[in-house]
Amino acid sequence: MPPITITQISNSFSYGLKRDYVKWEDISYNVKLAALASEDQIFAEHGGFDWEQIQMSLHPPKGKKRKLPLGAAASTITQQTAKNVFLWQGNGVTKYIRKIPEAYFTKMIEWFWGKRRILEVYLNVIEMGPGIFGIESAAQHYFHKHAKNLSREEAAMIIACLPNPKKFSVVPASRRVSWRYPQILQQMRLIEDDEDIQKIIK
């Protein structure tokens, strides 16, 4: 695991820093499934990029804003991991400057880490509340338990705060989290029997 990331450093000045990295076996199966169900349902199949979603973003239907269905995040878990570990957050000009190194690191970690390691790092470094990084810190903060003991509902609630954990509160549940986490639970049931997903999360 990275000792600290640029995002964690930048957040620490405003929100402090709560993080506690844990091993793969100390992360609940429910969390792994919830992350894939909500953020990247084709994680097991792609090589780092969801080309269909990229194509949609470049050529949306005329007169319509691009809308992502649940389970189709704007970037893959691999891309989000690369950005969080090696690069920085931010929009505007910095977002476009980041795209080339982000693509490079995305391919590198797909080649050298593999799916399970990518998901493990992702769940340890992403922000899940103001200054709260990683699933162990989130589990302790919101539910006063270890990440390995999170129920399906608790896992879905935490993942439902993404992609804006500063705005969407887990406990007490914001309107967005209350609306979204039952949908994540439904998607978890739909994808759970997929053999490729099971090979990763078990």
C-alpha atoms as a PDB file:
ATOM      1  CA  MET A   1       0.000   0.000   0.000  1.00  0.00           C
ATOM      2  CA  PRO A   2       1.198   3.543  -0.628  1.00  0.00           C
ATOM      3  CA  PRO A   3       2.362   5.197   2.628  1.00  0.00           C
ATOM      4  CA  ILE A   4       0.287   8.261   1.768  1.00  0.00           C
ATOM      5  CA  THR A   5      -1.300   9.704  -1.378  1.00  0.00           C
ATOM      6  CA  ILE A   6      -1.504  13.241  -2.772  1.00  0.00           C
ATOM      7  CA  THR A   7      -5.267  13.238  -2.199  1.00  0.00           C
ATOM      8  CA  GLN A   8      -4.826  12.216   1.433  1.00  0.00           C
ATOM      9  CA  ILE A   9      -2.244  14.937   2.006  1.00  0.00           C
ATOM     10  CA  SER A  10      -4.402  17.644   0.428  1.00  0.00           C
ATOM     11  CA  ASN A  11      -7.461  16.574   2.429  1.00  0.00           C
ATOM     12  CA  SER A  12      -5.609  16.382   5.721  1.00  0.00           C
ATOM     13  CA  PHE A  13      -5.314  20.170   5.977  1.00  0.00           C
ATOM     14  CA  SER A  14      -9.091  20.663   5.915  1.00  0.00           C
ATOM     15  CA  TYR A  15     -10.548  17.442   7.311  1.00  0.00           C
ATOM     16  CA  GLY A  16      -7.748  15.614   9.060  1.00  0.00           C
ATOM     17  CA  LEU A  17      -6.779  12.105   8.028  1.00  0.00           C
ATOM     18  CA  LYS A  18      -8.336   8.835   9.138  1.00  0.00           C
ATOM     19  CA  ARG A  19      -7.032   5.699   7.451  1.00  0.00           C
ATOM     20  CA  ASP A  20      -6.164   2.135   8.371  1.00  0.00           C
ATOM     21  CA  TYR A  21      -5.022  -0.168   5.573  1.00  0.00           C
ATOM     22  CA  VAL A  22      -6.156  -3.779   5.831  1.00  0.00           C
ATOM     23  CA  LYS A  23      -5.350  -6.976   3.953  1.00  0.00           C
ATOM     24  CA  TRP A  24      -7.623  -8.602   1.385  1.00  0.00           C
ATOM     25  CA  GLU A  25      -8.879 -11.221   3.836  1.00  0.00           C
ATOM     26  CA  ASP A  26      -9.843  -8.466   6.298  1.00  0.00           C
ATOM     27  CA  ILE A  27     -12.257  -6.844   3.838  1.00  0.00           C
ATOM     28  CA  SER A  28     -15.811  -8.163   3.821  1.00  0.00           C
ATOM     29  CA  TYR A  29     -16.954 -10.113   0.786  1.00  0.00           C
ATOM     30  CA  ASN A  30     -19.986  -7.810   0.881  1.00  0.00           C
ATOM     31  CA  VAL A  31     -17.829  -4.719   0.372  1.00  0.00           C
ATOM     32  CA  LYS A  32     -16.017  -6.211  -2.612  1.00  0.00           C
ATOM     33  CA  LEU A  33     -19.316  -7.181  -4.217  1.00  0.00           C
ATOM     34  CA  ALA A  34     -20.913  -3.804  -3.482  1.00  0.00           C
ATOM     35  CA  ALA A  35     -17.984  -1.941  -5.037  1.00  0.00           C
ATOM     36  CA  LEU A  36     -18.213  -3.937  -8.263  1.00  0.00           C
ATOM     37  CA  ALA A  37     -22.012  -3.713  -8.367  1.00  0.00           C
ATOM     38  CA  SER A  38     -21.974   0.061  -8.011  1.00  0.00           C
ATOM     39  CA  GLU A  39     -18.734   1.225  -9.569  1.00  0.00           C
ATOM     40  CA  ASP A  40     -17.602  -1.223 -12.244  1.00  0.00           C
ATOM     41  CA  GLN A  41     -19.701  -4.246 -13.170  1.00  0.00           C
ATOM     42  CA  ILE A  42     -17.390  -5.235 -16.027  1.00  0.00           C
ATOM     43  CA  PHE A  43     -14.253  -5.007 -13.870  1.00  0.00           C
ATOM     44  CA  ALA A  44     -13.505  -8.698 -14.417  1.00  0.00           C
ATOM     45  CA  GLU A  45     -13.659  -8.309 -18.197  1.00  0.00           C
ATOM     46  CA  HIS A  46     -11.969  -5.055 -19.166  1.00  0.00           C
ATOM     47  CA  GLY A  47      -8.269  -4.274 -19.474  1.00  0.00           C
ATOM     48  CA  GLY A  48      -8.478  -1.081 -17.465  1.00  0.00           C
ATOM     49  CA  PHE A  49     -10.846   0.971 -19.615  1.00  0.00           C
ATOM     50  CA  ASP A  50     -14.558   0.757 -20.364  1.00  0.00           C
ATOM     51  CA  TRP A  51     -14.398   1.658 -24.053  1.00  0.00           C
ATOM     52  CA  GLU A  52     -18.173   1.619 -24.469  1.00  0.00           C
ATOM     53  CA  GLN A  53     -18.619   4.264 -21.772  1.00  0.00           C
ATOM     54  CA  ILE A  54     -15.724   6.292 -23.206  1.00  0.00           C
ATOM     55  CA  GLN A  55     -17.399   6.199 -26.616  1.00  0.00           C
ATOM     56  CA  MET A  56     -20.699   7.314 -25.085  1.00  0.00           C
ATOM     57  CA  SER A  57     -19.009  10.222 -23.342  1.00  0.00           C
ATOM     58  CA  LEU A  58     -17.361  11.341 -26.563  1.00  0.00           C
ATOM     59  CA  HIS A  59     -20.494  10.955 -28.701  1.00  0.00           C
ATOM     60  CA  PRO A  60     -23.630  11.300 -26.548  1.00  0.00           C
ATOM     61  CA  PRO A  61     -27.017  11.274 -28.291  1.00  0.00           C
ATOM     62  CA  LYS A  62     -27.847  14.686 -29.718  1.00  0.00           C
ATOM     63  CA  GLY A  63     -29.790  16.930 -27.408  1.00  0.00           C
ATOM     64  CA  LYS A  64     -29.331  14.635 -24.427  1.00  0.00           C
ATOM     65  CA  LYS A  65     -26.985  14.718 -21.496  1.00  0.00           C
ATOM     66  CA  ARG A  66     -25.072  11.514 -20.973  1.00  0.00           C
ATOM     67  CA  LYS A  67     -26.500   9.498 -18.125  1.00  0.00           C
ATOM     68  CA  LEU A  68     -24.726   6.559 -16.543  1.00  0.00           C
ATOM     69  CA  PRO A  69     -26.806   3.627 -15.375  1.00  0.00           C
ATOM     70  CA  LEU A  70     -26.166   2.259 -11.894  1.00  0.00           C
ATOM     71  CA  GLY A  71     -23.098   0.072 -12.050  1.00  0.00           C
ATOM     72  CA  ALA A  72     -21.503   2.079 -14.867  1.00  0.00           C
ATOM     73  CA  ALA A  73     -19.184   4.630 -13.287  1.00  0.00           C
ATOM     74  CA  ALA A  74     -17.605   7.360 -15.395  1.00  0.00           C
ATOM     75  CA  SER A  75     -14.222   5.655 -14.923  1.00  0.00           C
ATOM     76  CA  THR A  76     -13.311   2.094 -14.065  1.00  0.00           C
ATOM     77  CA  ILE A  77     -12.093   0.951 -10.668  1.00  0.00           C
ATOM     78  CA  THR A  78      -8.643   0.529 -12.226  1.00  0.00           C
ATOM     79  CA  GLN A  79      -8.635   4.137 -13.439  1.00  0.00           C
ATOM     80  CA  GLN A  80      -9.856   5.382 -10.073  1.00  0.00           C
ATOM     81  CA  THR A  81      -7.131   3.392  -8.312  1.00  0.00           C
ATOM     82  CA  ALA A  82      -4.429   4.763 -10.611  1.00  0.00           C
ATOM     83  CA  LYS A  83      -5.662   8.319 -10.023  1.00  0.00           C
ATOM     84  CA  ASN A  84      -5.904   7.918  -6.257  1.00  0.00           C
ATOM     85  CA  VAL A  85      -2.552   6.189  -5.754  1.00  0.00           C
ATOM     86  CA  PHE A  86      -0.245   7.887  -8.234  1.00  0.00           C
ATOM     87  CA  LEU A  87      -1.888  11.175  -9.220  1.00  0.00           C
ATOM     88  CA  TRP A  88      -4.264  13.832  -7.915  1.00  0.00           C
ATOM     89  CA  GLN A  89      -7.926  14.790  -7.851  1.00  0.00           C
ATOM     90  CA  GLY A  90      -9.419  17.900  -9.388  1.00  0.00           C
ATOM     91  CA  ASN A  91     -11.381  19.156 -12.342  1.00  0.00           C
ATOM     92  CA  GLY A  92     -10.858  21.860 -14.933  1.00  0.00           C
ATOM     93  CA  VAL A  93      -7.474  22.073 -16.636  1.00  0.00           C
ATOM     94  CA  THR A  94      -5.765  19.752 -14.128  1.00  0.00           C
ATOM     95  CA  LYS A  95      -8.234  16.995 -15.016  1.00  0.00           C
ATOM     96  CA  TYR A  96      -7.091  17.016 -18.645  1.00  0.00           C
ATOM     97  CA  ILE A  97      -3.413  17.249 -17.713  1.00  0.00           C
ATOM     98  CA  ARG A  98      -3.922  14.144 -15.573  1.00  0.00           C
ATOM     99  CA  LYS A  99      -5.477  12.007 -18.309  1.00  0.00           C
ATOM    100  CA  ILE A 100      -2.264  10.877 -20.044  1.00  0.00           C
ATOM    101  CA  PRO A 101      -0.414   9.702 -16.911  1.00  0.00           C
ATOM    102  CA  GLU A 102      -3.688   8.226 -15.644  1.00  0.00           C
ATOM    103  CA  ALA A 103      -3.949   6.075 -18.775  1.00  0.00           C
ATOM    104  CA  TYR A 104      -0.330   4.973 -18.361  1.00  0.00           C
ATOM    105  CA  PHE A 105      -0.690   3.971 -14.713  1.00  0.00           C
ATOM    106  CA  THR A 106      -4.025   2.281 -15.447  1.00  0.00           C
ATOM    107  CA  LYS A 107      -2.381  -0.088 -17.922  1.00  0.00           C
ATOM    108  CA  MET A 108       0.634  -0.652 -15.686  1.00  0.00           C
ATOM    109  CA  ILE A 109      -1.386  -1.785 -12.681  1.00  0.00           C
ATOM    110  CA  GLU A 110      -3.606  -3.990 -14.861  1.00  0.00           C
ATOM    111  CA  TRP A 111      -0.490  -5.726 -16.156  1.00  0.00           C
ATOM    112  CA  PHE A 112       1.498  -5.970 -12.928  1.00  0.00           C
ATOM    113  CA  TRP A 113      -1.021  -6.033 -10.077  1.00  0.00           C
ATOM    114  CA  GLY A 114      -3.979  -7.995 -11.402  1.00  0.00           C
ATOM    115  CA  LYS A 115      -7.644  -7.606 -10.517  1.00  0.00           C
ATOM    116  CA  ARG A 116      -7.642  -8.712  -6.892  1.00  0.00           C
ATOM    117  CA  ARG A 117      -4.723  -6.460  -5.934  1.00  0.00           C
ATOM    118  CA  ILE A 118      -6.305  -3.498  -7.736  1.00  0.00           C
ATOM    119  CA  LEU A 119      -9.585  -3.953  -5.873  1.00  0.00           C
ATOM    120  CA  GLU A 120      -7.754  -4.375  -2.562  1.00  0.00           C
ATOM    121  CA  VAL A 121      -5.801  -1.137  -3.038  1.00  0.00           C
ATOM    122  CA  TYR A 122      -8.898   0.699  -4.277  1.00  0.00           C
ATOM    123  CA  LEU A 123     -10.886  -0.203  -1.176  1.00  0.00           C
ATOM    124  CA  ASN A 124      -7.999   0.914   1.035  1.00  0.00           C
ATOM    125  CA  VAL A 125      -7.241   4.318  -0.515  1.00  0.00           C
ATOM    126  CA  ILE A 126     -10.485   5.884  -1.751  1.00  0.00           C
ATOM    127  CA  GLU A 127     -12.161   8.574   0.317  1.00  0.00           C
ATOM    128  CA  MET A 128     -15.378   7.397   1.982  1.00  0.00           C
ATOM    129  CA  GLY A 129     -16.190  10.496   3.992  1.00  0.00           C
ATOM    130  CA  PRO A 130     -14.528  13.815   4.832  1.00  0.00           C
ATOM    131  CA  GLY A 131     -10.955  12.814   5.622  1.00  0.00           C
ATOM    132  CA  ILE A 132     -11.949   9.129   5.906  1.00  0.00           C
ATOM    133  CA  PHE A 133      -9.878   6.947   3.606  1.00  0.00           C
ATOM    134  CA  GLY A 134     -10.356   3.237   3.072  1.00  0.00           C
ATOM    135  CA  ILE A 135     -13.014   0.755   4.049  1.00  0.00           C
ATOM    136  CA  GLU A 136     -11.581  -0.057   7.491  1.00  0.00           C
ATOM    137  CA  SER A 137     -11.690   3.580   8.601  1.00  0.00           C
ATOM    138  CA  ALA A 138     -15.171   3.956   7.118  1.00  0.00           C
ATOM    139  CA  ALA A 139     -16.440   0.814   8.861  1.00  0.00           C
ATOM    140  CA  GLN A 140     -15.060   1.980  12.199  1.00  0.00           C
ATOM    141  CA  HIS A 141     -16.355   5.530  11.790  1.00  0.00           C
ATOM    142  CA  TYR A 142     -19.879   4.734  10.602  1.00  0.00           C
ATOM    143  CA  PHE A 143     -20.672   1.345  12.147  1.00  0.00           C
ATOM    144  CA  HIS A 144     -18.046   0.863  14.907  1.00  0.00           C
ATOM    145  CA  LYS A 145     -16.878  -2.479  13.531  1.00  0.00           C
ATOM    146  CA  HIS A 146     -14.088  -3.904  11.395  1.00  0.00           C
ATOM    147  CA  ALA A 147     -14.395  -3.930   7.617  1.00  0.00           C
ATOM    148  CA  LYS A 148     -14.440  -7.728   7.567  1.00  0.00           C
ATOM    149  CA  ASN A 149     -17.665  -7.717   9.599  1.00  0.00           C
ATOM    150  CA  LEU A 150     -19.747  -5.333   7.470  1.00  0.00           C
ATOM    151  CA  SER A 151     -23.181  -6.618   6.430  1.00  0.00           C
ATOM    152  CA  ARG A 152     -24.504  -6.317   2.895  1.00  0.00           C
ATOM    153  CA  GLU A 153     -26.613  -3.292   3.843  1.00  0.00           C
ATOM    154  CA  GLU A 154     -23.733  -1.534   5.598  1.00  0.00           C
ATOM    155  CA  ALA A 155     -21.365  -2.216   2.690  1.00  0.00           C
ATOM    156  CA  ALA A 156     -23.898  -0.872   0.193  1.00  0.00           C
ATOM    157  CA  MET A 157     -24.472   2.259   2.290  1.00  0.00           C
ATOM    158  CA  ILE A 158     -20.769   3.087   2.411  1.00  0.00           C
ATOM    159  CA  ILE A 159     -20.278   2.499  -1.313  1.00  0.00           C
ATOM    160  CA  ALA A 160     -23.391   4.601  -2.015  1.00  0.00           C
ATOM    161  CA  CYS A 161     -21.566   7.728  -0.820  1.00  0.00           C
ATOM    162  CA  LEU A 162     -19.341   7.573  -3.908  1.00  0.00           C
ATOM    163  CA  PRO A 163     -18.376   9.531  -5.959  1.00  0.00           C
ATOM    164  CA  ASN A 164     -18.868  12.488  -3.588  1.00  0.00           C
ATOM    165  CA  PRO A 165     -18.311  11.291  -0.016  1.00  0.00           C
ATOM    166  CA  LYS A 166     -18.019  14.828   1.342  1.00  0.00           C
ATOM    167  CA  LYS A 167     -21.528  15.645   0.111  1.00  0.00           C
ATOM    168  CA  PHE A 168     -23.322  12.305   0.512  1.00  0.00           C
ATOM    169  CA  SER A 169     -23.372  11.328   4.184  1.00  0.00           C
ATOM    170  CA  VAL A 170     -23.478   7.628   5.125  1.00  0.00           C
ATOM    171  CA  VAL A 171     -24.568   8.070   8.767  1.00  0.00           C
ATOM    172  CA  PRO A 172     -26.920   9.802   9.070  1.00  0.00           C
ATOM    173  CA  ALA A 173     -27.826   8.722   5.550  1.00  0.00           C
ATOM    174  CA  SER A 174     -28.228  11.556   3.090  1.00  0.00           C
ATOM    175  CA  ARG A 175     -31.152  11.470   0.690  1.00  0.00           C
ATOM    176  CA  ARG A 176     -28.803  10.297  -2.055  1.00  0.00           C
ATOM    177  CA  VAL A 177     -27.419   7.395   0.010  1.00  0.00           C
ATOM    178  CA  SER A 178     -30.923   6.394   1.173  1.00  0.00           C
ATOM    179  CA  TRP A 179     -32.075   6.292  -2.448  1.00  0.00           C
ATOM    180  CA  ARG A 180     -29.024   4.585  -3.888  1.00  0.00           C
ATOM    181  CA  TYR A 181     -28.010   1.834  -1.491  1.00  0.00           C
ATOM    182  CA  PRO A 182     -31.137  -0.344  -2.071  1.00  0.00           C
ATOM    183  CA  GLN A 183     -30.351  -0.208  -5.788  1.00  0.00           C
ATOM    184  CA  ILE A 184     -26.796  -1.323  -5.086  1.00  0.00           C
ATOM    185  CA  LEU A 185     -28.159  -4.238  -3.055  1.00  0.00           C
ATOM    186  CA  GLN A 186     -30.329  -5.230  -6.015  1.00  0.00           C
ATOM    187  CA  GLN A 187     -27.355  -5.077  -8.383  1.00  0.00           C
ATOM    188  CA  MET A 188     -25.300  -7.150  -5.937  1.00  0.00           C
ATOM    189  CA  ARG A 189     -27.902  -9.898  -6.165  1.00  0.00           C
ATOM    190  CA  LEU A 190     -27.929  -9.716  -9.956  1.00  0.00           C
ATOM    191  CA  ILE A 191     -24.160 -10.009 -10.486  1.00  0.00           C
ATOM    192  CA  GLU A 192     -23.231 -12.234  -7.545  1.00  0.00           C
ATOM    193  CA  ASP A 193     -23.417 -15.525  -9.432  1.00  0.00           C
ATOM    194  CA  ASP A 194     -21.117 -14.371 -12.223  1.00  0.00           C
ATOM    195  CA  GLU A 195     -18.171 -16.799 -12.275  1.00  0.00           C
ATOM    196  CA  ASP A 196     -15.604 -14.184 -13.244  1.00  0.00           C
ATOM    197  CA  ILE A 197     -16.677 -11.911 -10.403  1.00  0.00           C
ATOM    198  CA  GLN A 198     -16.588 -14.790  -7.931  1.00  0.00           C
ATOM    199  CA  LYS A 199     -13.022 -15.622  -8.960  1.00  0.00           C
ATOM    200  CA  ILE A 200     -11.978 -12.104  -7.942  1.00  0.00           C
ATOM    201  CA  ILE A 201     -13.907 -11.451  -4.755  1.00  0.00           C
ATOM    202  CA  LYS A 202     -13.676 -14.821  -2.991  1.00  0.00           C
END
